[in-house]
């Protein structure tokens, strides 16, 4: 579903990355963080930064 979205905003990125973290798939979540930064030019907001931290913790990188 995410791949078919016409526009990806910070809310959609946050939801996706947070869902990966919550489901214990932190490494996959981090891949989406990189895609968001490189492919779409978005910088993480404070809220998204927290989701990224949670994702790292779930991935065992913190």
C-alpha atoms as a PDB file:
ATOM      1  CA  UNK A   1       0.000   0.000   0.000  1.00  0.00           C
ATOM      2  CA  UNK A   2       2.787   2.429   0.878  1.00  0.00           C
ATOM      3  CA  UNK A   3       4.413   1.847  -2.507  1.00  0.00           C
ATOM      4  CA  UNK A   4       1.213   2.882  -4.267  1.00  0.00           C
ATOM      5  CA  UNK A   5       0.780   6.176  -2.404  1.00  0.00           C
ATOM      6  CA  UNK A   6       0.916   9.210  -4.663  1.00  0.00           C
ATOM      7  CA  UNK A   7       2.351  11.459  -1.996  1.00  0.00           C
ATOM      8  CA  UNK A   8       4.361  10.391   1.010  1.00  0.00           C
ATOM      9  CA  UNK A   9       4.369  12.936   3.802  1.00  0.00           C
ATOM     10  CA  UNK A  10       5.974  12.873   7.238  1.00  0.00           C
ATOM     11  CA  UNK A  11       2.887  11.300   8.779  1.00  0.00           C
ATOM     12  CA  UNK A  12       2.969   8.364   6.352  1.00  0.00           C
ATOM     13  CA  UNK A  13       6.718   7.858   6.861  1.00  0.00           C
ATOM     14  CA  UNK A  14       6.269   8.001  10.644  1.00  0.00           C
ATOM     15  CA  UNK A  15       3.463   5.452  10.554  1.00  0.00           C
ATOM     16  CA  UNK A  16       5.446   3.044   8.403  1.00  0.00           C
ATOM     17  CA  UNK A  17       8.695   3.288  10.359  1.00  0.00           C
ATOM     18  CA  UNK A  18       6.917   3.141  13.712  1.00  0.00           C
ATOM     19  CA  UNK A  19       5.007   0.027  12.621  1.00  0.00           C
ATOM     20  CA  UNK A  20       8.263  -1.721  11.721  1.00  0.00           C
ATOM     21  CA  UNK A  21       9.731  -0.803  15.109  1.00  0.00           C
ATOM     22  CA  UNK A  22       6.628  -1.953  16.987  1.00  0.00           C
ATOM     23  CA  UNK A  23       6.618  -5.295  15.186  1.00  0.00           C
ATOM     24  CA  UNK A  24      10.275  -5.997  15.978  1.00  0.00           C
ATOM     25  CA  UNK A  25      11.483  -5.440  12.410  1.00  0.00           C
ATOM     26  CA  UNK A  26      13.828  -2.594  13.223  1.00  0.00           C
ATOM     27  CA  UNK A  27      16.345  -3.304  10.479  1.00  0.00           C
ATOM     28  CA  UNK A  28      13.643  -3.032   7.817  1.00  0.00           C
ATOM     29  CA  UNK A  29      12.424   0.176   9.430  1.00  0.00           C
ATOM     30  CA  UNK A  30      15.904   1.654   9.192  1.00  0.00           C
ATOM     31  CA  UNK A  31      15.985   0.864   5.476  1.00  0.00           C
ATOM     32  CA  UNK A  32      12.882   3.015   5.056  1.00  0.00           C
ATOM     33  CA  UNK A  33      14.540   5.832   7.007  1.00  0.00           C
ATOM     34  CA  UNK A  34      17.390   5.799   4.502  1.00  0.00           C
ATOM     35  CA  UNK A  35      14.939   5.695   1.585  1.00  0.00           C
ATOM     36  CA  UNK A  36      13.055   8.638   3.052  1.00  0.00           C
ATOM     37  CA  UNK A  37      16.224  10.716   3.425  1.00  0.00           C
ATOM     38  CA  UNK A  38      17.865   9.848   0.106  1.00  0.00           C
ATOM     39  CA  UNK A  39      14.990   9.315  -2.275  1.00  0.00           C
ATOM     40  CA  UNK A  40      12.533  11.887  -1.009  1.00  0.00           C
ATOM     41  CA  UNK A  41      14.679  14.531   0.657  1.00  0.00           C
ATOM     42  CA  UNK A  42      12.771  14.448   3.937  1.00  0.00           C
ATOM     43  CA  UNK A  43      14.614  15.129   7.161  1.00  0.00           C
ATOM     44  CA  UNK A  44      13.279  13.411  10.265  1.00  0.00           C
ATOM     45  CA  UNK A  45      11.086  15.549  12.510  1.00  0.00           C
ATOM     46  CA  UNK A  46      11.362  15.244  16.288  1.00  0.00           C
ATOM     47  CA  UNK A  47       8.533  12.728  16.313  1.00  0.00           C
ATOM     48  CA  UNK A  48      10.093  10.704  13.526  1.00  0.00           C
ATOM     49  CA  UNK A  49      13.471  10.876  15.246  1.00  0.00           C
ATOM     50  CA  UNK A  50      11.887   9.172  18.254  1.00  0.00           C
ATOM     51  CA  UNK A  51      10.464   6.479  15.964  1.00  0.00           C
ATOM     52  CA  UNK A  52      13.921   6.031  14.433  1.00  0.00           C
ATOM     53  CA  UNK A  53      15.423   5.662  17.912  1.00  0.00           C
ATOM     54  CA  UNK A  54      12.804   3.033  18.777  1.00  0.00           C
ATOM     55  CA  UNK A  55      13.548   1.275  15.497  1.00  0.00           C
ATOM     56  CA  UNK A  56      17.268   1.221  16.305  1.00  0.00           C
ATOM     57  CA  UNK A  57      16.520  -0.133  19.766  1.00  0.00           C
ATOM     58  CA  UNK A  58      14.369  -2.896  18.284  1.00  0.00           C
ATOM     59  CA  UNK A  59      17.100  -3.695  15.787  1.00  0.00           C
ATOM     60  CA  UNK A  60      19.640  -3.935  18.600  1.00  0.00           C
ATOM     61  CA  UNK A  61      21.782  -1.098  17.287  1.00  0.00           C
ATOM     62  CA  UNK A  62      21.421   1.111  20.386  1.00  0.00           C
END
